[in-house]
C-alpha atoms as a PDB file:
ATOM      1  CA  MET A   1     101.654  86.168  40.467  1.00  0.00           C
ATOM      2  CA  ILE A   2      99.208  83.753  42.051  1.00  0.00           C
ATOM      3  CA  HIS A   3      96.595  82.171  39.754  1.00  0.00           C
ATOM      4  CA  PRO A   4      93.386  80.952  41.325  1.00  0.00           C
ATOM      5  CA  GLY A   5      93.101  78.173  38.779  1.00  0.00           C
ATOM      6  CA  LYS A   6      96.182  76.441  40.077  1.00  0.00           C
ATOM      7  CA  LEU A   7      94.713  76.029  43.590  1.00  0.00           C
ATOM      8  CA  THR A   8      92.308  73.280  44.609  1.00  0.00           C
ATOM      9  CA  ASN A   9      89.911  73.003  47.567  1.00  0.00           C
ATOM     10  CA  ASN A  10      92.419  70.886  49.400  1.00  0.00           C
ATOM     11  CA  ASP A  11      95.227  73.430  49.170  1.00  0.00           C
ATOM     12  CA  PRO A  12      95.811  76.134  51.799  1.00  0.00           C
ATOM     13  CA  PHE A  13      95.889  79.713  50.657  1.00  0.00           C
ATOM     14  CA  PRO A  14      99.480  80.663  49.957  1.00  0.00           C
ATOM     15  CA  VAL A  15     101.118  82.989  52.577  1.00  0.00           C
ATOM     16  CA  THR A  16     101.900  86.320  50.749  1.00  0.00           C
ATOM     17  CA  GLN A  17     103.416  89.493  51.950  1.00  0.00           C
ATOM     18  CA  ARG A  18      99.941  90.959  52.349  1.00  0.00           C
ATOM     19  CA  THR A  19      98.273  88.023  54.013  1.00  0.00           C
ATOM     20  CA  GLN A  20     100.949  86.846  56.426  1.00  0.00           C
ATOM     21  CA  ILE A  21      99.780  87.354  59.952  1.00  0.00           C
ATOM     22  CA  LYS A  22     102.501  89.422  61.804  1.00  0.00           C
ATOM     23  CA  ARG A  23     100.829  90.247  65.079  1.00  0.00           C
ATOM     24  CA  ILE A  24     100.559  87.011  67.108  1.00  0.00           C
ATOM     25  CA  PRO A  25     101.327  84.851  64.052  1.00  0.00           C
ATOM     26  CA  LYS A  26     100.203  81.659  65.855  1.00  0.00           C
ATOM     27  CA  ARG A  27      96.636  82.771  65.487  1.00  0.00           C
ATOM     28  CA  GLY A  28      96.926  83.005  61.760  1.00  0.00           C
ATOM     29  CA  LEU A  29      95.298  80.286  59.616  1.00  0.00           C
ATOM     30  CA  TYR A  30      95.398  79.731  55.877  1.00  0.00           C
ATOM     31  CA  GLU A  31      93.462  76.410  55.470  1.00  0.00           C
ATOM     32  CA  ARG A  32      90.928  76.996  52.806  1.00  0.00           C
ATOM     33  CA  GLN A  33      88.047  75.201  54.379  1.00  0.00           C
ATOM     34  CA  THR A  34      88.569  77.317  57.607  1.00  0.00           C
ATOM     35  CA  ILE A  35      88.452  80.521  55.551  1.00  0.00           C
ATOM     36  CA  TYR A  36      85.332  79.278  53.684  1.00  0.00           C
ATOM     37  CA  GLN A  37      83.537  78.467  56.929  1.00  0.00           C
ATOM     38  CA  ILE A  38      84.039  81.928  58.403  1.00  0.00           C
ATOM     39  CA  LEU A  39      82.992  83.605  55.169  1.00  0.00           C
ATOM     40  CA  ASP A  40      79.964  81.295  54.981  1.00  0.00           C
ATOM     41  CA  GLU A  41      78.866  82.010  58.644  1.00  0.00           C
ATOM     42  CA  GLY A  42      79.286  85.831  58.288  1.00  0.00           C
ATOM     43  CA  LEU A  43      76.555  88.070  56.915  1.00  0.00           C
ATOM     44  CA  ILE A  44      78.195  91.470  56.336  1.00  0.00           C
ATOM     45  CA  CYS A  45      81.611  92.113  54.982  1.00  0.00           C
ATOM     46  CA  GLN A  46      83.727  95.381  55.147  1.00  0.00           C
ATOM     47  CA  LEU A  47      84.972  96.430  51.864  1.00  0.00           C
ATOM     48  CA  GLY A  48      87.953  98.833  51.830  1.00  0.00           C
ATOM     49  CA  PHE A  49      89.325 100.713  48.866  1.00  0.00           C
ATOM     50  CA  VAL A  50      90.949 104.094  48.018  1.00  0.00           C
ATOM     51  CA  VAL A  51      89.716 106.690  45.503  1.00  0.00           C
ATOM     52  CA  GLU A  52      91.842 109.577  44.757  1.00  0.00           C
ATOM     53  CA  GLY A  53      93.742 109.317  48.018  1.00  0.00           C
ATOM     54  CA  GLN A  54      90.579 109.010  50.079  1.00  0.00           C
ATOM     55  CA  PRO A  55      90.111 105.694  51.906  1.00  0.00           C
ATOM     56  CA  PHE A  56      86.585 104.172  52.125  1.00  0.00           C
ATOM     57  CA  VAL A  57      85.316 101.235  54.111  1.00  0.00           C
ATOM     58  CA  ILE A  58      81.795 100.155  53.189  1.00  0.00           C
ATOM     59  CA  PRO A  59      79.721  97.446  54.833  1.00  0.00           C
ATOM     60  CA  THR A  60      77.873  95.290  52.371  1.00  0.00           C
ATOM     61  CA  ALA A  61      76.280  91.858  51.908  1.00  0.00           C
ATOM     62  CA  TYR A  62      78.135  89.161  49.890  1.00  0.00           C
ATOM     63  CA  GLY A  63      77.752  85.683  48.653  1.00  0.00           C
ATOM     64  CA  ARG A  64      80.283  82.891  47.932  1.00  0.00           C
ATOM     65  CA  VAL A  65      80.362  80.450  45.084  1.00  0.00           C
ATOM     66  CA  GLY A  66      83.414  78.175  45.170  1.00  0.00           C
ATOM     67  CA  ASP A  67      86.474  80.305  45.266  1.00  0.00           C
ATOM     68  CA  ARG A  68      84.704  83.613  44.379  1.00  0.00           C
ATOM     69  CA  LEU A  69      82.932  86.126  46.383  1.00  0.00           C
ATOM     70  CA  TYR A  70      80.156  88.213  44.822  1.00  0.00           C
ATOM     71  CA  ILE A  71      78.850  91.621  45.870  1.00  0.00           C
ATOM     72  CA  HIS A  72      75.903  93.321  44.110  1.00  0.00           C
ATOM     73  CA  GLY A  73      73.893  96.400  44.016  1.00  0.00           C
ATOM     74  CA  SER A  74      72.509  99.234  41.841  1.00  0.00           C
ATOM     75  CA  PRO A  75      74.516 100.388  38.819  1.00  0.00           C
ATOM     76  CA  ALA A  76      74.223 103.828  40.530  1.00  0.00           C
ATOM     77  CA  SER A  77      76.333 102.666  43.400  1.00  0.00           C
ATOM     78  CA  ARG A  78      79.576 104.678  43.586  1.00  0.00           C
ATOM     79  CA  MET A  79      81.283 101.798  45.362  1.00  0.00           C
ATOM     80  CA  LEU A  80      80.410  99.294  42.711  1.00  0.00           C
ATOM     81  CA  ARG A  81      81.220 101.665  39.776  1.00  0.00           C
ATOM     82  CA  THR A  82      84.584 102.411  41.330  1.00  0.00           C
ATOM     83  CA  LEU A  83      85.482  98.732  41.959  1.00  0.00           C
ATOM     84  CA  GLN A  84      84.582  97.644  38.550  1.00  0.00           C
ATOM     85  CA  LYS A  85      87.442  99.832  37.295  1.00  0.00           C
ATOM     86  CA  GLY A  86      89.951  97.457  38.735  1.00  0.00           C
ATOM     87  CA  VAL A  87      90.700  99.362  42.020  1.00  0.00           C
ATOM     88  CA  PRO A  88      92.580  97.075  44.592  1.00  0.00           C
ATOM     89  CA  VAL A  89      90.298  96.112  47.475  1.00  0.00           C
ATOM     90  CA  CYS A  90      90.560  94.597  50.961  1.00  0.00           C
ATOM     91  CA  LEU A  91      87.577  92.655  52.186  1.00  0.00           C
ATOM     92  CA  THR A  92      87.161  91.636  55.813  1.00  0.00           C
ATOM     93  CA  VAL A  93      84.596  89.505  57.722  1.00  0.00           C
ATOM     94  CA  THR A  94      84.657  89.208  61.523  1.00  0.00           C
ATOM     95  CA  LEU A  95      82.727  86.799  63.783  1.00  0.00           C
ATOM     96  CA  LEU A  96      82.679  87.785  67.521  1.00  0.00           C
ATOM     97  CA  ASP A  97      82.479  84.569  69.593  1.00  0.00           C
ATOM     98  CA  GLY A  98      82.826  85.996  73.182  1.00  0.00           C
ATOM     99  CA  LEU A  99      84.312  88.495  75.496  1.00  0.00           C
ATOM    100  CA  VAL A 100      87.487  87.463  77.488  1.00  0.00           C
ATOM    101  CA  LEU A 101      87.525  88.940  81.015  1.00  0.00           C
ATOM    102  CA  ALA A 102      90.988  88.793  82.591  1.00  0.00           C
ATOM    103  CA  ARG A 103      92.101  89.723  86.024  1.00  0.00           C
ATOM    104  CA  SER A 104      93.894  92.770  84.754  1.00  0.00           C
ATOM    105  CA  ALA A 105      92.372  95.452  82.601  1.00  0.00           C
ATOM    106  CA  PHE A 106      95.332  95.259  80.314  1.00  0.00           C
ATOM    107  CA  HIS A 107      94.766  91.606  79.313  1.00  0.00           C
ATOM    108  CA  HIS A 108      90.991  91.836  78.501  1.00  0.00           C
ATOM    109  CA  SER A 109      90.322  90.526  75.000  1.00  0.00           C
ATOM    110  CA  MET A 110      87.750  88.917  72.669  1.00  0.00           C
ATOM    111  CA  ASN A 111      87.378  85.567  71.177  1.00  0.00           C
ATOM    112  CA  TYR A 112      86.835  85.972  67.369  1.00  0.00           C
ATOM    113  CA  ARG A 113      87.268  84.521  63.928  1.00  0.00           C
ATOM    114  CA  SER A 114      88.203  86.841  61.079  1.00  0.00           C
ATOM    115  CA  VAL A 115      89.159  86.714  57.446  1.00  0.00           C
ATOM    116  CA  VAL A 116      90.941  89.214  55.196  1.00  0.00           C
ATOM    117  CA  VAL A 117      90.889  88.998  51.432  1.00  0.00           C
ATOM    118  CA  PHE A 118      92.977  91.027  49.032  1.00  0.00           C
ATOM    119  CA  GLY A 119      92.265  91.397  45.338  1.00  0.00           C
ATOM    120  CA  VAL A 120      90.649  93.053  42.459  1.00  0.00           C
ATOM    121  CA  ALA A 121      86.992  92.789  41.604  1.00  0.00           C
ATOM    122  CA  SER A 122      85.601  92.493  38.079  1.00  0.00           C
ATOM    123  CA  MET A 123      82.064  92.999  36.733  1.00  0.00           C
ATOM    124  CA  VAL A 124      80.096  89.932  35.943  1.00  0.00           C
ATOM    125  CA  GLU A 125      78.519  90.179  32.564  1.00  0.00           C
ATOM    126  CA  ASP A 126      77.554  86.610  31.853  1.00  0.00           C
ATOM    127  CA  TYR A 127      73.784  86.241  32.441  1.00  0.00           C
ATOM    128  CA  ASN A 128      73.978  82.761  33.986  1.00  0.00           C
ATOM    129  CA  GLU A 129      76.765  83.738  36.317  1.00  0.00           C
ATOM    130  CA  LYS A 130      74.811  86.772  37.384  1.00  0.00           C
ATOM    131  CA  GLU A 131      71.801  84.597  38.212  1.00  0.00           C
ATOM    132  CA  GLU A 132      74.100  82.176  40.021  1.00  0.00           C
ATOM    133  CA  ALA A 133      75.462  85.047  42.113  1.00  0.00           C
ATOM    134  CA  LEU A 134      72.011  86.388  43.008  1.00  0.00           C
ATOM    135  CA  LYS A 135      71.052  82.835  44.136  1.00  0.00           C
ATOM    136  CA  ALA A 136      74.186  82.782  46.264  1.00  0.00           C
ATOM    137  CA  PHE A 137      73.311  86.007  47.953  1.00  0.00           C
ATOM    138  CA  THR A 138      69.851  84.652  48.876  1.00  0.00           C
ATOM    139  CA  GLU A 139      71.167  81.285  50.072  1.00  0.00           C
ATOM    140  CA  HIS A 140      73.833  82.990  51.928  1.00  0.00           C
ATOM    141  CA  ILE A 141      71.291  84.978  54.022  1.00  0.00           C
ATOM    142  CA  ILE A 142      69.006  81.916  54.562  1.00  0.00           C
ATOM    143  CA  PRO A 143      69.607  78.580  52.965  1.00  0.00           C
ATOM    144  CA  GLY A 144      66.675  77.038  51.347  1.00  0.00           C
ATOM    145  CA  ARG A 145      64.983  80.426  50.565  1.00  0.00           C
ATOM    146  CA  TRP A 146      65.897  80.669  46.860  1.00  0.00           C
ATOM    147  CA  ALA A 147      63.582  77.704  45.815  1.00  0.00           C
ATOM    148  CA  ASP A 148      60.581  79.363  47.621  1.00  0.00           C
ATOM    149  CA  THR A 149      60.893  82.748  46.033  1.00  0.00           C
ATOM    150  CA  ARG A 150      59.809  84.281  42.716  1.00  0.00           C
ATOM    151  CA  GLN A 151      62.917  84.049  40.544  1.00  0.00           C
ATOM    152  CA  PRO A 152      64.319  87.342  39.289  1.00  0.00           C
ATOM    153  CA  THR A 153      63.299  88.441  35.902  1.00  0.00           C
ATOM    154  CA  ARG A 154      65.736  89.109  33.083  1.00  0.00           C
ATOM    155  CA  GLN A 155      65.067  92.801  33.560  1.00  0.00           C
ATOM    156  CA  GLU A 156      65.895  92.598  37.321  1.00  0.00           C
ATOM    157  CA  ILE A 157      69.083  90.699  36.604  1.00  0.00           C
ATOM    158  CA  ALA A 158      70.018  93.159  33.894  1.00  0.00           C
ATOM    159  CA  GLY A 159      69.410  96.013  36.209  1.00  0.00           C
ATOM    160  CA  THR A 160      71.748  94.650  38.946  1.00  0.00           C
ATOM    161  CA  LEU A 161      75.435  95.257  38.944  1.00  0.00           C
ATOM    162  CA  VAL A 162      77.348  92.210  40.183  1.00  0.00           C
ATOM    163  CA  LEU A 163      81.100  92.140  40.963  1.00  0.00           C
ATOM    164  CA  SER A 164      83.192  89.006  41.359  1.00  0.00           C
ATOM    165  CA  LEU A 165      86.207  88.978  43.740  1.00  0.00           C
ATOM    166  CA  PRO A 166      88.400  85.799  43.368  1.00  0.00           C
ATOM    167  CA  LEU A 167      89.653  84.220  46.489  1.00  0.00           C
ATOM    168  CA  VAL A 168      93.298  84.154  45.790  1.00  0.00           C
ATOM    169  CA  GLU A 169      94.998  86.070  48.701  1.00  0.00           C
ATOM    170  CA  ALA A 170      93.159  85.320  51.959  1.00  0.00           C
ATOM    171  CA  SER A 171      94.039  84.546  55.579  1.00  0.00           C
ATOM    172  CA  ALA A 172      92.098  83.976  58.774  1.00  0.00           C
ATOM    173  CA  LYS A 173      92.892  85.084  62.312  1.00  0.00           C
ATOM    174  CA  VAL A 174      91.406  83.206  65.272  1.00  0.00           C
ATOM    175  CA  ARG A 175      91.465  83.691  69.103  1.00  0.00           C
ATOM    176  CA  THR A 176      89.916  81.026  71.354  1.00  0.00           C
ATOM    177  CA  GLY A 177      90.149  80.139  74.903  1.00  0.00           C
ATOM    178  CA  SER A 178      90.620  81.736  78.367  1.00  0.00           C
ATOM    179  CA  PRO A 179      92.246  84.949  79.458  1.00  0.00           C
ATOM    180  CA  ILE A 180      96.019  85.051  79.523  1.00  0.00           C
ATOM    181  CA  ASP A 181      96.993  86.962  82.694  1.00  0.00           C
ATOM    182  CA  ASN A 182     100.381  87.770  84.162  1.00  0.00           C
ATOM    183  CA  GLU A 183     101.458  84.836  86.388  1.00  0.00           C
ATOM    184  CA  ALA A 184     101.321  87.065  89.441  1.00  0.00           C
ATOM    185  CA  ASP A 185      97.752  88.062  88.784  1.00  0.00           C
ATOM    186  CA  TYR A 186      96.362  84.575  88.965  1.00  0.00           C
ATOM    187  CA  VAL A 187      96.083  84.793  92.720  1.00  0.00           C
ATOM    188  CA  LEU A 188      93.986  88.007  92.614  1.00  0.00           C
ATOM    189  CA  PRO A 189      90.345  87.492  94.018  1.00  0.00           C
ATOM    190  CA  ILE A 190      88.748  88.742  90.804  1.00  0.00           C
ATOM    191  CA  TRP A 191      86.368  86.583  88.538  1.00  0.00           C
ATOM    192  CA  ALA A 192      88.022  85.830  85.095  1.00  0.00           C
ATOM    193  CA  GLY A 193      86.827  83.730  82.171  1.00  0.00           C
ATOM    194  CA  GLU A 194      84.972  83.829  78.941  1.00  0.00           C
ATOM    195  CA  LEU A 195      81.476  85.288  78.155  1.00  0.00           C
ATOM    196  CA  PRO A 196      80.409  83.462  74.956  1.00  0.00           C
ATOM    197  CA  LEU A 197      78.294  85.431  72.503  1.00  0.00           C
ATOM    198  CA  HIS A 198      76.082  84.048  69.783  1.00  0.00           C
ATOM    199  CA  LEU A 199      73.911  85.565  67.009  1.00  0.00           C
ATOM    200  CA  ILE A 200      70.497  84.077  67.483  1.00  0.00           C
ATOM    201  CA  ALA A 201      67.138  84.561  65.719  1.00  0.00           C
ATOM    202  CA  ASN A 202      64.082  85.726  67.655  1.00  0.00           C
ATOM    203  CA  GLU A 203      60.543  84.741  66.967  1.00  0.00           C
ATOM    204  CA  PRO A 204      59.715  85.415  63.325  1.00  0.00           C
ATOM    205  CA  VAL A 205      57.305  88.193  62.649  1.00  0.00           C
ATOM    206  CA  PRO A 206      54.898  87.616  59.694  1.00  0.00           C
ATOM    207  CA  ASP A 207      54.211  90.255  57.053  1.00  0.00           C
ATOM    208  CA  PRO A 208      50.953  91.986  57.863  1.00  0.00           C
ATOM    209  CA  ARG A 209      49.904  91.273  54.242  1.00  0.00           C
ATOM    210  CA  LEU A 210      50.766  87.547  54.464  1.00  0.00           C
ATOM    211  CA  ALA A 211      47.949  85.477  52.910  1.00  0.00           C
ATOM    212  CA  ASP A 212      46.100  82.998  55.195  1.00  0.00           C
ATOM    213  CA  GLY A 213      47.192  79.395  55.210  1.00  0.00           C
ATOM    214  CA  ILE A 214      50.975  80.067  54.594  1.00  0.00           C
ATOM    215  CA  ASP A 215      52.991  77.975  57.040  1.00  0.00           C
ATOM    216  CA  LEU A 216      56.264  79.122  58.470  1.00  0.00           C
ATOM    217  CA  PRO A 217      59.126  77.377  56.574  1.00  0.00           C
ATOM    218  CA  THR A 218      61.317  75.005  58.430  1.00  0.00           C
ATOM    219  CA  TYR A 219      64.477  76.917  57.302  1.00  0.00           C
ATOM    220  CA  VAL A 220      63.067  79.937  59.281  1.00  0.00           C
ATOM    221  CA  LYS A 221      62.013  77.981  62.372  1.00  0.00           C
ATOM    222  CA  GLN A 222      65.408  76.379  62.620  1.00  0.00           C
ATOM    223  CA  TYR A 223      67.482  79.393  61.510  1.00  0.00           C
ATOM    224  CA  SER A 224      71.023  79.407  62.727  1.00  0.00           C
ATOM    225  CA  ARG A 225      74.245  81.139  61.417  1.00  0.00           C
ATOM    226  CA  ALA A 226      76.462  78.396  62.746  1.00  0.00           C
ATOM    227  CA  THR A 227      78.224  76.327  60.200  1.00  0.00           C
ATOM    228  CA  ALA A 228      79.361  72.711  60.287  1.00  0.00           C
END
């Protein structure tokens, strides 16, 4: 069994039977900081689990604090009520970086960065940890926002179900670069290359009920999902 407490931020994630990249293994990465960076840049995860033989994959928001991911929602959420029972989960995050246009239809591809996490989620009952998780959700969406907001009340925190998923089994898979064509196809008179894609923010739209004299925060003006 792998124990998260025995790993440090400088250690790569261990390669397990579940996390080992089998298809094009050279694209597999297990460095902790690489996986953290992808998770921190993403906004939505896909959470997969099975209930009575029926698989479900649910998109949801998340936040990260150290070596733990947090998900949250209403106590009425079937997904959260199921996961808190100790159901094994598979969580994925994918960032699309570009389209790869090859000379042959067969070799078209995409440049991407993805993370897969396996584990079991548990309910967070400690009040301070729940508050920290809620802060992580807000800061994950837009860093700097938490300090500007009305802080959640004890009643709001008590009425929110928060689950913690330890980062113990995780791997990344990354594709970068140009198309890889068959050698004979490189002479074909067909344009080939990469079409980069980026998630960008448009002009902010103020709330119609926004009071006069409130300036647009710098973290909104300069919003970007790119991480260092």
